Amino acid sequence: MSDGKIELCSVAKNPAIPEKKWVPGYQFEIRREGKRAGEVNLRIGYTDGLYYSGNIGYMVDKQYRGHGYAEKACRLLVPVIRAHGMKKVLITNNPENIASRRTCEKLGAKQILY
């Protein structure tokens, strides 16, 4: 999957582990001009544990930060999310992580505080 700036390359598919209440998921490498720029994970389905970890997790390598790659990667996941029939996606972050919070804002995420 690509938007012309970055591409997502599938690196792993993780099976569900029901006894741990883990849902299946995908791991993607974020690449810029063929080089690793970070990673994004998509967990399929819903469990109580996902209110802590979320359906999507992302990390951009230090030298590639500040270019909106996490937001772009999340948007590239939309066809996969839809293919699995998911109606909502949970993204969690530490409110003190300004960059991650800004990514969520750019995505139009609704903030819910617990």
PDB file of N, CA and C in Angstrom:
ATOM      1  N   MET A   1       0.848  -1.158   0.000  1.00  0.00           N
ATOM      2  CA  MET A   1       0.000   0.000   0.000  1.00  0.00           C
ATOM      3  C   MET A   1       0.899   1.228   0.000  1.00  0.00           C
ATOM      4  N   SER A   2       0.536   2.210  -0.809  1.00  0.00           N
ATOM      5  CA  SER A   2       1.356   3.398  -0.927  1.00  0.00           C
ATOM      6  C   SER A   2       0.489   4.617  -1.199  1.00  0.00           C
ATOM      7  N   ASP A   3       0.974   5.761  -0.751  1.00  0.00           N
ATOM      8  CA  ASP A   3       0.314   7.027  -1.070  1.00  0.00           C
ATOM      9  C   ASP A   3       1.214   7.917  -1.921  1.00  0.00           C
ATOM     10  N   GLY A   4       2.319   7.359  -2.422  1.00  0.00           N
ATOM     11  CA  GLY A   4       3.263   8.132  -3.212  1.00  0.00           C
ATOM     12  C   GLY A   4       4.402   8.713  -2.388  1.00  0.00           C
ATOM     13  N   LYS A   5       4.220   8.833  -1.095  1.00  0.00           N
ATOM     14  CA  LYS A   5       5.274   9.339  -0.203  1.00  0.00           C
ATOM     15  C   LYS A   5       5.876   8.216   0.623  1.00  0.00           C
ATOM     16  N   ILE A   6       4.977   7.378   1.172  1.00  0.00           N
ATOM     17  CA  ILE A   6       5.423   6.220   1.950  1.00  0.00           C
ATOM     18  C   ILE A   6       4.714   4.986   1.421  1.00  0.00           C
ATOM     19  N   GLU A   7       5.246   3.827   1.787  1.00  0.00           N
ATOM     20  CA  GLU A   7       4.561   2.573   1.500  1.00  0.00           C
ATOM     21  C   GLU A   7       4.563   1.723   2.755  1.00  0.00           C
ATOM     22  N   LEU A   8       3.539   0.885   2.863  1.00  0.00           N
ATOM     23  CA  LEU A   8       3.466  -0.075   3.957  1.00  0.00           C
ATOM     24  C   LEU A   8       3.738  -1.446   3.378  1.00  0.00           C
ATOM     25  N   CYS A   9       4.675  -2.148   3.973  1.00  0.00           N
ATOM     26  CA  CYS A   9       5.012  -3.506   3.552  1.00  0.00           C
ATOM     27  C   CYS A   9       4.706  -4.458   4.698  1.00  0.00           C
ATOM     28  N   SER A  10       3.887  -5.455   4.417  1.00  0.00           N
ATOM     29  CA  SER A  10       3.513  -6.424   5.435  1.00  0.00           C
ATOM     30  C   SER A  10       4.733  -7.248   5.837  1.00  0.00           C
ATOM     31  N   VAL A  11       4.988  -7.332   7.139  1.00  0.00           N
ATOM     32  CA  VAL A  11       6.121  -8.118   7.617  1.00  0.00           C
ATOM     33  C   VAL A  11       5.691  -9.293   8.486  1.00  0.00           C
ATOM     34  N   ALA A  12       4.449  -9.258   8.999  1.00  0.00           N
ATOM     35  CA  ALA A  12       3.986 -10.371   9.827  1.00  0.00           C
ATOM     36  C   ALA A  12       2.469 -10.326   9.971  1.00  0.00           C
ATOM     37  N   LYS A  13       1.906 -11.500  10.147  1.00  0.00           N
ATOM     38  CA  LYS A  13       0.492 -11.639  10.486  1.00  0.00           C
ATOM     39  C   LYS A  13       0.461 -12.444  11.781  1.00  0.00           C
ATOM     40  N   ASN A  14      -0.136 -11.866  12.810  1.00  0.00           N
ATOM     41  CA  ASN A  14      -0.154 -12.505  14.118  1.00  0.00           C
ATOM     42  C   ASN A  14      -1.504 -13.166  14.359  1.00  0.00           C
ATOM     43  N   PRO A  15      -1.497 -14.422  14.766  1.00  0.00           N
ATOM     44  CA  PRO A  15      -2.767 -15.102  15.039  1.00  0.00           C
ATOM     45  C   PRO A  15      -3.385 -14.620  16.338  1.00  0.00           C
ATOM     46  N   ALA A  16      -4.664 -14.843  16.472  1.00  0.00           N
ATOM     47  CA  ALA A  16      -5.351 -14.559  17.728  1.00  0.00           C
ATOM     48  C   ALA A  16      -4.878 -15.554  18.787  1.00  0.00           C
ATOM     49  N   ILE A  17      -4.866 -15.108  20.029  1.00  0.00           N
ATOM     50  CA  ILE A  17      -4.591 -15.986  21.161  1.00  0.00           C
ATOM     51  C   ILE A  17      -5.737 -15.773  22.143  1.00  0.00           C
ATOM     52  N   PRO A  18      -6.831 -16.519  21.934  1.00  0.00           N
ATOM     53  CA  PRO A  18      -8.051 -16.293  22.727  1.00  0.00           C
ATOM     54  C   PRO A  18      -7.853 -16.375  24.239  1.00  0.00           C
ATOM     55  N   GLU A  19      -7.011 -17.298  24.704  1.00  0.00           N
ATOM     56  CA  GLU A  19      -6.832 -17.433  26.149  1.00  0.00           C
ATOM     57  C   GLU A  19      -6.183 -16.187  26.773  1.00  0.00           C
ATOM     58  N   LYS A  20      -5.490 -15.392  25.976  1.00  0.00           N
ATOM     59  CA  LYS A  20      -4.923 -14.127  26.445  1.00  0.00           C
ATOM     60  C   LYS A  20      -5.787 -12.936  26.039  1.00  0.00           C
ATOM     61  N   LYS A  21      -6.883 -13.241  25.336  1.00  0.00           N
ATOM     62  CA  LYS A  21      -7.792 -12.218  24.805  1.00  0.00           C
ATOM     63  C   LYS A  21      -7.098 -11.318  23.785  1.00  0.00           C
ATOM     64  N   TRP A  22      -6.159 -11.898  23.031  1.00  0.00           N
ATOM     65  CA  TRP A  22      -5.471 -11.175  21.969  1.00  0.00           C
ATOM     66  C   TRP A  22      -6.182 -11.440  20.655  1.00  0.00           C
ATOM     67  N   VAL A  23      -6.385 -10.390  19.905  1.00  0.00           N
ATOM     68  CA  VAL A  23      -7.017 -10.503  18.589  1.00  0.00           C
ATOM     69  C   VAL A  23      -5.923 -10.684  17.535  1.00  0.00           C
ATOM     70  N   PRO A  24      -6.290 -11.165  16.339  1.00  0.00           N
ATOM     71  CA  PRO A  24      -5.279 -11.290  15.283  1.00  0.00           C
ATOM     72  C   PRO A  24      -4.828  -9.904  14.822  1.00  0.00           C
ATOM     73  N   GLY A  25      -3.677  -9.855  14.205  1.00  0.00           N
ATOM     74  CA  GLY A  25      -3.188  -8.553  13.761  1.00  0.00           C
ATOM     75  C   GLY A  25      -2.151  -8.650  12.663  1.00  0.00           C
ATOM     76  N   TYR A  26      -1.832  -7.501  12.151  1.00  0.00           N
ATOM     77  CA  TYR A  26      -0.842  -7.359  11.085  1.00  0.00           C
ATOM     78  C   TYR A  26       0.242  -6.394  11.532  1.00  0.00           C
ATOM     79  N   GLN A  27       1.453  -6.668  11.097  1.00  0.00           N
ATOM     80  CA  GLN A  27       2.575  -5.756  11.307  1.00  0.00           C
ATOM     81  C   GLN A  27       3.057  -5.292   9.943  1.00  0.00           C
ATOM     82  N   PHE A  28       3.239  -3.986   9.829  1.00  0.00           N
ATOM     83  CA  PHE A  28       3.726  -3.395   8.591  1.00  0.00           C
ATOM     84  C   PHE A  28       4.957  -2.547   8.877  1.00  0.00           C
ATOM     85  N   GLU A  29       5.862  -2.555   7.934  1.00  0.00           N
ATOM     86  CA  GLU A  29       6.993  -1.660   7.986  1.00  0.00           C
ATOM     87  C   GLU A  29       6.628  -0.425   7.163  1.00  0.00           C
ATOM     88  N   ILE A  30       6.883   0.750   7.711  1.00  0.00           N
ATOM     89  CA  ILE A  30       6.702   1.992   6.974  1.00  0.00           C
ATOM     90  C   ILE A  30       8.011   2.234   6.227  1.00  0.00           C
ATOM     91  N   ARG A  31       7.912   2.432   4.927  1.00  0.00           N
ATOM     92  CA  ARG A  31       9.113   2.668   4.120  1.00  0.00           C
ATOM     93  C   ARG A  31       9.011   3.975   3.355  1.00  0.00           C
ATOM     94  N   ARG A  32      10.124   4.652   3.275  1.00  0.00           N
ATOM     95  CA  ARG A  32      10.256   5.881   2.504  1.00  0.00           C
ATOM     96  C   ARG A  32      11.404   5.665   1.545  1.00  0.00           C
ATOM     97  N   GLU A  33      11.117   5.739   0.261  1.00  0.00           N
ATOM     98  CA  GLU A  33      12.122   5.508  -0.782  1.00  0.00           C
ATOM     99  C   GLU A  33      12.848   4.177  -0.567  1.00  0.00           C
ATOM    100  N   GLY A  34      12.078   3.152  -0.197  1.00  0.00           N
ATOM    101  CA  GLY A  34      12.609   1.808  -0.028  1.00  0.00           C
ATOM    102  C   GLY A  34      13.329   1.549   1.281  1.00  0.00           C
ATOM    103  N   LYS A  35      13.458   2.555   2.123  1.00  0.00           N
ATOM    104  CA  LYS A  35      14.172   2.396   3.393  1.00  0.00           C
ATOM    105  C   LYS A  35      13.171   2.423   4.545  1.00  0.00           C
ATOM    106  N   ARG A  36      13.444   1.611   5.554  1.00  0.00           N
ATOM    107  CA  ARG A  36      12.592   1.562   6.745  1.00  0.00           C
ATOM    108  C   ARG A  36      12.533   2.944   7.398  1.00  0.00           C
ATOM    109  N   ALA A  37      11.305   3.391   7.690  1.00  0.00           N
ATOM    110  CA  ALA A  37      11.096   4.663   8.374  1.00  0.00           C
ATOM    111  C   ALA A  37      10.347   4.465   9.688  1.00  0.00           C
ATOM    112  N   GLY A  38       9.851   3.248   9.920  1.00  0.00           N
ATOM    113  CA  GLY A  38       9.113   2.971  11.152  1.00  0.00           C
ATOM    114  C   GLY A  38       8.249   1.744  10.984  1.00  0.00           C
ATOM    115  N   GLU A  39       7.220   1.631  11.833  1.00  0.00           N
ATOM    116  CA  GLU A  39       6.312   0.486  11.757  1.00  0.00           C
ATOM    117  C   GLU A  39       4.925   0.901  12.218  1.00  0.00           C
ATOM    118  N   VAL A  40       3.947   0.151  11.758  1.00  0.00           N
ATOM    119  CA  VAL A  40       2.567   0.348  12.184  1.00  0.00           C
ATOM    120  C   VAL A  40       1.934  -1.030  12.329  1.00  0.00           C
ATOM    121  N   ASN A  41       1.135  -1.189  13.367  1.00  0.00           N
ATOM    122  CA  ASN A  41       0.469  -2.459  13.642  1.00  0.00           C
ATOM    123  C   ASN A  41      -1.030  -2.246  13.642  1.00  0.00           C
ATOM    124  N   LEU A  42      -1.758  -3.232  13.147  1.00  0.00           N
ATOM    125  CA  LEU A  42      -3.208  -3.191  13.145  1.00  0.00           C
ATOM    126  C   LEU A  42      -3.720  -4.457  13.796  1.00  0.00           C
ATOM    127  N   ARG A  43      -4.484  -4.281  14.887  1.00  0.00           N
ATOM    128  CA  ARG A  43      -5.100  -5.403  15.584  1.00  0.00           C
ATOM    129  C   ARG A  43      -6.572  -5.447  15.179  1.00  0.00           C
ATOM    130  N   ILE A  44      -7.018  -6.624  14.754  1.00  0.00           N
ATOM    131  CA  ILE A  44      -8.355  -6.802  14.183  1.00  0.00           C
ATOM    132  C   ILE A  44      -9.328  -7.286  15.249  1.00  0.00           C
ATOM    133  N   GLY A  45     -10.395  -6.544  15.440  1.00  0.00           N
ATOM    134  CA  GLY A  45     -11.420  -6.952  16.398  1.00  0.00           C
ATOM    135  C   GLY A  45     -11.382  -6.096  17.640  1.00  0.00           C
ATOM    136  N   TYR A  46     -12.119  -6.533  18.637  1.00  0.00           N
ATOM    137  CA  TYR A  46     -12.276  -5.737  19.852  1.00  0.00           C
ATOM    138  C   TYR A  46     -12.246  -6.640  21.084  1.00  0.00           C
ATOM    139  N   THR A  47     -11.484  -6.228  22.064  1.00  0.00           N
ATOM    140  CA  THR A  47     -11.490  -6.843  23.392  1.00  0.00           C
ATOM    141  C   THR A  47     -11.300  -5.719  24.406  1.00  0.00           C
ATOM    142  N   ASP A  48     -11.562  -6.014  25.665  1.00  0.00           N
ATOM    143  CA  ASP A  48     -11.357  -5.005  26.700  1.00  0.00           C
ATOM    144  C   ASP A  48      -9.911  -4.512  26.721  1.00  0.00           C
ATOM    145  N   GLY A  49      -8.966  -5.393  26.440  1.00  0.00           N
ATOM    146  CA  GLY A  49      -7.555  -5.029  26.456  1.00  0.00           C
ATOM    147  C   GLY A  49      -7.183  -3.981  25.422  1.00  0.00           C
ATOM    148  N   LEU A  50      -7.973  -3.897  24.368  1.00  0.00           N
ATOM    149  CA  LEU A  50      -7.665  -2.918  23.328  1.00  0.00           C
ATOM    150  C   LEU A  50      -7.968  -1.490  23.760  1.00  0.00           C
ATOM    151  N   TYR A  51      -8.714  -1.330  24.855  1.00  0.00           N
ATOM    152  CA  TYR A  51      -8.920   0.018  25.370  1.00  0.00           C
ATOM    153  C   TYR A  51      -7.633   0.568  25.970  1.00  0.00           C
ATOM    154  N   TYR A  52      -6.668  -0.308  26.197  1.00  0.00           N
ATOM    155  CA  TYR A  52      -5.347   0.128  26.655  1.00  0.00           C
ATOM    156  C   TYR A  52      -4.370   0.219  25.480  1.00  0.00           C
ATOM    157  N   SER A  53      -4.314  -0.832  24.666  1.00  0.00           N
ATOM    158  CA  SER A  53      -3.321  -0.878  23.586  1.00  0.00           C
ATOM    159  C   SER A  53      -3.830  -0.322  22.264  1.00  0.00           C
ATOM    160  N   GLY A  54      -5.131  -0.341  22.037  1.00  0.00           N
ATOM    161  CA  GLY A  54      -5.691   0.185  20.796  1.00  0.00           C
ATOM    162  C   GLY A  54      -5.626  -0.808  19.643  1.00  0.00           C
ATOM    163  N   ASN A  55      -6.355  -0.491  18.569  1.00  0.00           N
ATOM    164  CA  ASN A  55      -6.305  -1.303  17.351  1.00  0.00           C
ATOM    165  C   ASN A  55      -5.078  -0.973  16.511  1.00  0.00           C
ATOM    166  N   ILE A  56      -4.603   0.257  16.624  1.00  0.00           N
ATOM    167  CA  ILE A  56      -3.459   0.699  15.824  1.00  0.00           C
ATOM    168  C   ILE A  56      -2.351   1.159  16.754  1.00  0.00           C
ATOM    169  N   GLY A  57      -1.149   0.726  16.432  1.00  0.00           N
ATOM    170  CA  GLY A  57       0.044   1.207  17.118  1.00  0.00           C
ATOM    171  C   GLY A  57       1.049   1.637  16.062  1.00  0.00           C
ATOM    172  N   TYR A  58       1.794   2.671  16.330  1.00  0.00           N
ATOM    173  CA  TYR A  58       2.768   3.149  15.345  1.00  0.00           C
ATOM    174  C   TYR A  58       4.014   3.661  16.038  1.00  0.00           C
ATOM    175  N   MET A  59       5.105   3.646  15.296  1.00  0.00           N
ATOM    176  CA  MET A  59       6.381   4.153  15.768  1.00  0.00           C
ATOM    177  C   MET A  59       7.166   4.573  14.530  1.00  0.00           C
ATOM    178  N   VAL A  60       7.624   5.803  14.531  1.00  0.00           N
ATOM    179  CA  VAL A  60       8.426   6.304  13.423  1.00  0.00           C
ATOM    180  C   VAL A  60       9.865   6.423  13.909  1.00  0.00           C
ATOM    181  N   ASP A  61      10.796   5.883  13.122  1.00  0.00           N
ATOM    182  CA  ASP A  61      12.207   5.948  13.482  1.00  0.00           C
ATOM    183  C   ASP A  61      12.647   7.408  13.604  1.00  0.00           C
ATOM    184  N   LYS A  62      13.532   7.667  14.529  1.00  0.00           N
ATOM    185  CA  LYS A  62      13.907   9.034  14.912  1.00  0.00           C
ATOM    186  C   LYS A  62      14.247   9.934  13.719  1.00  0.00           C
ATOM    187  N   GLN A  63      15.030   9.450  12.793  1.00  0.00           N
ATOM    188  CA  GLN A  63      15.476  10.304  11.680  1.00  0.00           C
ATOM    189  C   GLN A  63      14.348  10.644  10.694  1.00  0.00           C
ATOM    190  N   TYR A  64      13.193   9.983  10.818  1.00  0.00           N
ATOM    191  CA  TYR A  64      12.073  10.226   9.905  1.00  0.00           C
ATOM    192  C   TYR A  64      10.912  10.963  10.584  1.00  0.00           C
ATOM    193  N   ARG A  65      11.075  11.347  11.814  1.00  0.00           N
ATOM    194  CA  ARG A  65       9.992  12.009  12.532  1.00  0.00           C
ATOM    195  C   ARG A  65       9.774  13.431  12.016  1.00  0.00           C
ATOM    196  N   GLY A  66       8.543  13.905  12.209  1.00  0.00           N
ATOM    197  CA  GLY A  66       8.225  15.271  11.827  1.00  0.00           C
ATOM    198  C   GLY A  66       7.704  15.440  10.413  1.00  0.00           C
ATOM    199  N   HIS A  67       7.432  14.329   9.733  1.00  0.00           N
ATOM    200  CA  HIS A  67       6.952  14.388   8.353  1.00  0.00           C
ATOM    201  C   HIS A  67       5.524  13.857   8.195  1.00  0.00           C
ATOM    202  N   GLY A  68       4.869  13.517   9.300  1.00  0.00           N
ATOM    203  CA  GLY A  68       3.499  13.032   9.236  1.00  0.00           C
ATOM    204  C   GLY A  68       3.373  11.583   8.783  1.00  0.00           C
ATOM    205  N   TYR A  69       4.452  10.817   8.887  1.00  0.00           N
ATOM    206  CA  TYR A  69       4.416   9.434   8.398  1.00  0.00           C
ATOM    207  C   TYR A  69       3.473   8.548   9.210  1.00  0.00           C
ATOM    208  N   ALA A  70       3.343   8.784  10.509  1.00  0.00           N
ATOM    209  CA  ALA A  70       2.424   7.973  11.321  1.00  0.00           C
ATOM    210  C   ALA A  70       0.990   8.195  10.845  1.00  0.00           C
ATOM    211  N   GLU A  71       0.616   9.440  10.628  1.00  0.00           N
ATOM    212  CA  GLU A  71      -0.732   9.734  10.121  1.00  0.00           C
ATOM    213  C   GLU A  71      -0.952   9.085   8.760  1.00  0.00           C
ATOM    214  N   LYS A  72       0.007   9.233   7.865  1.00  0.00           N
ATOM    215  CA  LYS A  72      -0.113   8.645   6.522  1.00  0.00           C
ATOM    216  C   LYS A  72      -0.261   7.129   6.606  1.00  0.00           C
ATOM    217  N   ALA A  73       0.531   6.503   7.480  1.00  0.00           N
ATOM    218  CA  ALA A  73       0.468   5.045   7.629  1.00  0.00           C
ATOM    219  C   ALA A  73      -0.908   4.614   8.133  1.00  0.00           C
ATOM    220  N   CYS A  74      -1.450   5.334   9.100  1.00  0.00           N
ATOM    221  CA  CYS A  74      -2.780   5.000   9.632  1.00  0.00           C
ATOM    222  C   CYS A  74      -3.836   5.114   8.535  1.00  0.00           C
ATOM    223  N   ARG A  75      -3.740   6.134   7.718  1.00  0.00           N
ATOM    224  CA  ARG A  75      -4.713   6.314   6.630  1.00  0.00           C
ATOM    225  C   ARG A  75      -4.594   5.208   5.578  1.00  0.00           C
ATOM    226  N   LEU A  76      -3.385   4.727   5.353  1.00  0.00           N
ATOM    227  CA  LEU A  76      -3.197   3.635   4.392  1.00  0.00           C
ATOM    228  C   LEU A  76      -3.824   2.330   4.877  1.00  0.00           C
ATOM    229  N   LEU A  77      -4.065   2.209   6.163  1.00  0.00           N
ATOM    230  CA  LEU A  77      -4.675   0.999   6.727  1.00  0.00           C
ATOM    231  C   LEU A  77      -6.182   0.925   6.496  1.00  0.00           C
ATOM    232  N   VAL A  78      -6.805   2.012   6.093  1.00  0.00           N
ATOM    233  CA  VAL A  78      -8.264   2.060   5.967  1.00  0.00           C
ATOM    234  C   VAL A  78      -8.838   0.925   5.124  1.00  0.00           C
ATOM    235  N   PRO A  79      -8.289   0.590   3.951  1.00  0.00           N
ATOM    236  CA  PRO A  79      -8.869  -0.524   3.188  1.00  0.00           C
ATOM    237  C   PRO A  79      -8.822  -1.864   3.935  1.00  0.00           C
ATOM    238  N   VAL A  80      -7.775  -2.081   4.704  1.00  0.00           N
ATOM    239  CA  VAL A  80      -7.663  -3.326   5.481  1.00  0.00           C
ATOM    240  C   VAL A  80      -8.698  -3.318   6.600  1.00  0.00           C
ATOM    241  N   ILE A  81      -8.846  -2.175   7.250  1.00  0.00           N
ATOM    242  CA  ILE A  81      -9.835  -2.037   8.327  1.00  0.00           C
ATOM    243  C   ILE A  81     -11.231  -2.326   7.786  1.00  0.00           C
ATOM    244  N   ARG A  82     -11.546  -1.721   6.657  1.00  0.00           N
ATOM    245  CA  ARG A  82     -12.867  -1.920   6.047  1.00  0.00           C
ATOM    246  C   ARG A  82     -13.059  -3.363   5.590  1.00  0.00           C
ATOM    247  N   ALA A  83     -12.011  -3.973   5.043  1.00  0.00           N
ATOM    248  CA  ALA A  83     -12.112  -5.359   4.574  1.00  0.00           C
ATOM    249  C   ALA A  83     -12.454  -6.307   5.706  1.00  0.00           C
ATOM    250  N   HIS A  84     -12.079  -5.939   6.919  1.00  0.00           N
ATOM    251  CA  HIS A  84     -12.393  -6.768   8.095  1.00  0.00           C
ATOM    252  C   HIS A  84     -13.710  -6.364   8.752  1.00  0.00           C
ATOM    253  N   GLY A  85     -14.432  -5.444   8.133  1.00  0.00           N
ATOM    254  CA  GLY A  85     -15.743  -5.060   8.640  1.00  0.00           C
ATOM    255  C   GLY A  85     -15.722  -4.262   9.931  1.00  0.00           C
ATOM    256  N   MET A  86     -14.599  -3.673  10.243  1.00  0.00           N
ATOM    257  CA  MET A  86     -14.497  -2.901  11.478  1.00  0.00           C
ATOM    258  C   MET A  86     -15.174  -1.543  11.296  1.00  0.00           C
ATOM    259  N   LYS A  87     -16.021  -1.166  12.234  1.00  0.00           N
ATOM    260  CA  LYS A  87     -16.771   0.091  12.168  1.00  0.00           C
ATOM    261  C   LYS A  87     -16.077   1.226  12.915  1.00  0.00           C
ATOM    262  N   LYS A  88     -15.202   0.869  13.839  1.00  0.00           N
ATOM    263  CA  LYS A  88     -14.456   1.875  14.586  1.00  0.00           C
ATOM    264  C   LYS A  88     -13.055   1.345  14.841  1.00  0.00           C
ATOM    265  N   VAL A  89     -12.149   2.256  15.120  1.00  0.00           N
ATOM    266  CA  VAL A  89     -10.762   1.899  15.409  1.00  0.00           C
ATOM    267  C   VAL A  89     -10.332   2.672  16.644  1.00  0.00           C
ATOM    268  N   LEU A  90      -9.719   1.969  17.573  1.00  0.00           N
ATOM    269  CA  LEU A  90      -9.212   2.590  18.792  1.00  0.00           C
ATOM    270  C   LEU A  90      -7.723   2.871  18.638  1.00  0.00           C
ATOM    271  N   ILE A  91      -7.353   4.095  18.915  1.00  0.00           N
ATOM    272  CA  ILE A  91      -5.935   4.464  18.957  1.00  0.00           C
ATOM    273  C   ILE A  91      -5.703   5.083  20.322  1.00  0.00           C
ATOM    274  N   THR A  92      -4.752   4.567  21.057  1.00  0.00           N
ATOM    275  CA  THR A  92      -4.468   5.101  22.383  1.00  0.00           C
ATOM    276  C   THR A  92      -3.071   5.703  22.382  1.00  0.00           C
ATOM    277  N   ASN A  93      -2.882   6.657  23.269  1.00  0.00           N
ATOM    278  CA  ASN A  93      -1.542   7.216  23.421  1.00  0.00           C
ATOM    279  C   ASN A  93      -1.413   7.888  24.786  1.00  0.00           C
ATOM    280  N   ASN A  94      -0.198   8.089  25.177  1.00  0.00           N
ATOM    281  CA  ASN A  94       0.095   8.817  26.402  1.00  0.00           C
ATOM    282  C   ASN A  94      -0.143  10.296  26.094  1.00  0.00           C
ATOM    283  N   PRO A  95      -1.011  10.965  26.851  1.00  0.00           N
ATOM    284  CA  PRO A  95      -1.296  12.375  26.570  1.00  0.00           C
ATOM    285  C   PRO A  95      -0.058  13.271  26.603  1.00  0.00           C
ATOM    286  N   GLU A  96       0.990  12.831  27.288  1.00  0.00           N
ATOM    287  CA  GLU A  96       2.234  13.601  27.338  1.00  0.00           C
ATOM    288  C   GLU A  96       3.076  13.447  26.071  1.00  0.00           C
ATOM    289  N   ASN A  97       2.731  12.458  25.237  1.00  0.00           N
ATOM    290  CA  ASN A  97       3.444  12.263  23.970  1.00  0.00           C
ATOM    291  C   ASN A  97       2.798  13.189  22.935  1.00  0.00           C
ATOM    292  N   ILE A  98       3.346  14.387  22.829  1.00  0.00           N
ATOM    293  CA  ILE A  98       2.759  15.434  21.994  1.00  0.00           C
ATOM    294  C   ILE A  98       2.665  14.995  20.532  1.00  0.00           C
ATOM    295  N   ALA A  99       3.703  14.353  20.012  1.00  0.00           N
ATOM    296  CA  ALA A  99       3.693  13.946  18.603  1.00  0.00           C
ATOM    297  C   ALA A  99       2.588  12.927  18.330  1.00  0.00           C
ATOM    298  N   SER A 100       2.432  11.963  19.209  1.00  0.00           N
ATOM    299  CA  SER A 100       1.388  10.955  19.030  1.00  0.00           C
ATOM    300  C   SER A 100       0.003  11.579  19.193  1.00  0.00           C
ATOM    301  N   ARG A 101      -0.133  12.458  20.160  1.00  0.00           N
ATOM    302  CA  ARG A 101      -1.413  13.142  20.349  1.00  0.00           C
ATOM    303  C   ARG A 101      -1.767  13.959  19.103  1.00  0.00           C
ATOM    304  N   ARG A 102      -0.774  14.624  18.513  1.00  0.00           N
ATOM    305  CA  ARG A 102      -0.997  15.417  17.303  1.00  0.00           C
ATOM    306  C   ARG A 102      -1.394  14.514  16.137  1.00  0.00           C
ATOM    307  N   THR A 103      -0.795  13.333  16.030  1.00  0.00           N
ATOM    308  CA  THR A 103      -1.177  12.372  14.991  1.00  0.00           C
ATOM    309  C   THR A 103      -2.650  12.014  15.136  1.00  0.00           C
ATOM    310  N   CYS A 104      -3.076  11.725  16.356  1.00  0.00           N
ATOM    311  CA  CYS A 104      -4.479  11.386  16.601  1.00  0.00           C
ATOM    312  C   CYS A 104      -5.395  12.547  16.224  1.00  0.00           C
ATOM    313  N   GLU A 105      -4.990  13.761  16.541  1.00  0.00           N
ATOM    314  CA  GLU A 105      -5.786  14.933  16.181  1.00  0.00           C
ATOM    315  C   GLU A 105      -5.914  15.069  14.668  1.00  0.00           C
ATOM    316  N   LYS A 106      -4.804  14.887  13.948  1.00  0.00           N
ATOM    317  CA  LYS A 106      -4.832  14.973  12.480  1.00  0.00           C
ATOM    318  C   LYS A 106      -5.739  13.914  11.871  1.00  0.00           C
ATOM    319  N   LEU A 107      -5.837  12.778  12.531  1.00  0.00           N
ATOM    320  CA  LEU A 107      -6.691  11.696  12.049  1.00  0.00           C
ATOM    321  C   LEU A 107      -8.166  11.945  12.377  1.00  0.00           C
ATOM    322  N   GLY A 108      -8.429  12.952  13.185  1.00  0.00           N
ATOM    323  CA  GLY A 108      -9.811  13.246  13.573  1.00  0.00           C
ATOM    324  C   GLY A 108     -10.315  12.354  14.691  1.00  0.00           C
ATOM    325  N   ALA A 109      -9.388  11.778  15.438  1.00  0.00           N
ATOM    326  CA  ALA A 109      -9.767  10.885  16.538  1.00  0.00           C
ATOM    327  C   ALA A 109     -10.496  11.657  17.626  1.00  0.00           C
ATOM    328  N   LYS A 110     -11.452  10.998  18.234  1.00  0.00           N
ATOM    329  CA  LYS A 110     -12.203  11.561  19.341  1.00  0.00           C
ATOM    330  C   LYS A 110     -11.483  11.196  20.638  1.00  0.00           C
ATOM    331  N   GLN A 111     -11.168  12.202  21.452  1.00  0.00           N
ATOM    332  CA  GLN A 111     -10.455  11.951  22.687  1.00  0.00           C
ATOM    333  C   GLN A 111     -11.426  11.540  23.785  1.00  0.00           C
ATOM    334  N   ILE A 112     -11.083  10.422  24.433  1.00  0.00           N
ATOM    335  CA  ILE A 112     -11.864   9.928  25.558  1.00  0.00           C
ATOM    336  C   ILE A 112     -10.898   9.741  26.726  1.00  0.00           C
ATOM    337  N   LEU A 113     -11.154  10.395  27.811  1.00  0.00           N
ATOM    338  CA  LEU A 113     -10.289  10.275  28.988  1.00  0.00           C
ATOM    339  C   LEU A 113     -10.924   9.331  29.990  1.00  0.00           C
ATOM    340  N   TYR A 114     -10.103   8.465  30.563  1.00  0.00           N
ATOM    341  CA  TYR A 114     -10.575   7.532  31.588  1.00  0.00           C
ATOM    342  C   TYR A 114      -9.944   7.843  32.901  1.00  0.00           C
TER     343      TYR A 114
END
